[in-house]
Amino acid sequence: MTHQPNLIPPEDEARRLARKRVEAKRALGAHAVTYVVINAFLIFIWAIGDGGNFWPGWVLAGWGVGLILNAWDVLFRRPVTEADIENEMRRGQPRG
């Protein structure tokens, strides 16, 4: 199999990747706002109820893990580079 050249000009590819990062950050912001609003509503329901066992904690914890993983993916995960792809291709080649 021969190596196919990248058909997208580098500046267009850089713009596409930058746009993808901006969209992911905006989606993360919407996810965080939704988390706060919905969980505040659940805590309000719990507070006006009997105030017994703090059941919204289960939702806060479970959804919070998802939010943290989403934030990690958007804010800290580095993009795949050509060097990563080349290294993986070398690892997959038989030795001999």
Protein backbone atom coordinates (compact mmCIF):
# COMPACT_ATOMS: atom_id res chain seq x y z
CA MET A 1 0.00 0.00 0.00
CA THR A 2 1.44 3.37 -0.99
CA HIS A 3 1.28 6.48 1.12
CA GLN A 4 -1.43 8.83 -0.15
CA PRO A 5 -0.52 12.52 -0.05
CA ASN A 6 -2.72 14.77 2.04
CA LEU A 7 -5.20 16.20 -0.46
CA ILE A 8 -6.31 19.07 1.79
CA PRO A 9 -4.06 22.15 1.75
CA PRO A 10 -2.36 22.60 5.15
CA GLU A 11 -4.03 25.96 5.86
CA ASP A 12 -7.48 24.52 5.12
CA GLU A 13 -6.76 21.54 7.36
CA ALA A 14 -5.54 23.83 10.15
CA ARG A 15 -8.72 25.91 9.83
CA ARG A 16 -10.90 22.78 9.90
CA LEU A 17 -9.15 21.50 13.03
CA ALA A 18 -9.39 24.92 14.73
CA ARG A 19 -13.10 25.09 13.94
CA LYS A 20 -13.59 21.59 15.35
CA ARG A 21 -11.84 22.64 18.61
CA VAL A 22 -13.98 25.80 18.91
CA GLU A 23 -17.17 23.79 18.36
CA ALA A 24 -16.09 21.22 20.96
CA LYS A 25 -15.39 23.97 23.52
CA ARG A 26 -18.80 25.53 22.90
CA ALA A 27 -20.48 22.15 23.25
CA LEU A 28 -18.61 21.59 26.53
CA GLY A 29 -19.89 24.95 27.80
CA ALA A 30 -23.45 23.99 26.90
CA HIS A 31 -22.97 20.63 28.62
CA ALA A 32 -21.74 22.37 31.80
CA VAL A 33 -24.64 24.86 31.83
CA THR A 34 -27.14 22.02 31.30
CA TYR A 35 -25.52 20.07 34.15
CA VAL A 36 -25.84 23.03 36.54
CA VAL A 37 -29.43 23.94 35.57
CA ILE A 38 -30.83 20.40 35.66
CA ASN A 39 -29.05 19.47 38.88
CA ALA A 40 -30.12 22.72 40.57
CA PHE A 41 -33.70 21.85 39.63
CA LEU A 42 -33.30 18.33 41.07
CA ILE A 43 -31.85 19.72 44.30
CA PHE A 44 -34.77 22.16 44.49
CA ILE A 45 -37.23 19.26 44.08
CA TRP A 46 -35.40 17.34 46.81
CA ALA A 47 -35.38 20.40 49.12
CA ILE A 48 -39.12 21.10 48.82
CA GLY A 49 -39.83 17.41 49.32
CA ASP A 50 -39.20 15.56 52.54
CA GLY A 51 -35.46 16.46 52.47
CA GLY A 52 -34.54 12.88 53.36
CA ASN A 53 -31.89 10.88 51.58
CA PHE A 54 -29.99 13.19 49.18
CA TRP A 55 -30.90 11.29 46.00
CA PRO A 56 -29.75 14.07 43.61
CA GLY A 57 -26.22 13.14 44.67
CA TRP A 58 -26.44 10.05 42.46
CA VAL A 59 -27.28 12.17 39.43
CA LEU A 60 -24.62 14.76 40.33
CA ALA A 61 -21.95 12.06 40.66
CA GLY A 62 -22.86 10.00 37.60
CA TRP A 63 -23.35 12.94 35.27
CA GLY A 64 -20.35 14.69 36.81
CA VAL A 65 -18.08 11.82 35.76
CA GLY A 66 -19.36 12.19 32.20
CA LEU A 67 -18.81 15.95 32.30
CA ILE A 68 -15.25 15.51 33.60
CA LEU A 69 -14.46 13.00 30.86
CA ASN A 70 -15.93 15.36 28.25
CA ALA A 71 -13.83 18.24 29.65
CA TRP A 72 -10.69 16.08 29.57
CA ASP A 73 -11.34 15.17 25.94
CA VAL A 74 -11.96 18.79 24.89
CA LEU A 75 -9.37 20.63 26.97
CA PHE A 76 -6.44 18.27 27.53
CA ARG A 77 -6.40 15.54 24.89
CA ARG A 78 -3.91 16.33 22.17
CA PRO A 79 -4.87 15.82 18.52
CA VAL A 80 -3.51 12.94 16.48
CA THR A 81 -0.48 14.04 14.48
CA GLU A 82 1.18 12.66 11.37
CA ALA A 83 4.06 11.54 13.61
CA ASP A 84 1.59 9.49 15.70
CA ILE A 85 0.24 7.84 12.54
CA GLU A 86 3.72 7.11 11.18
CA ASN A 87 4.81 5.59 14.53
CA GLU A 88 1.71 3.39 14.62
CA MET A 89 2.29 2.27 11.03
CA ARG A 90 5.91 1.32 11.88
CA ARG A 91 4.70 -0.66 14.92
CA GLY A 92 2.27 -2.60 12.74
CA GLN A 93 4.89 -3.71 10.24
CA PRO A 94 6.24 -7.25 10.60
CA ARG A 95 9.81 -7.48 11.83
CA GLY A 96 12.35 -9.48 9.96
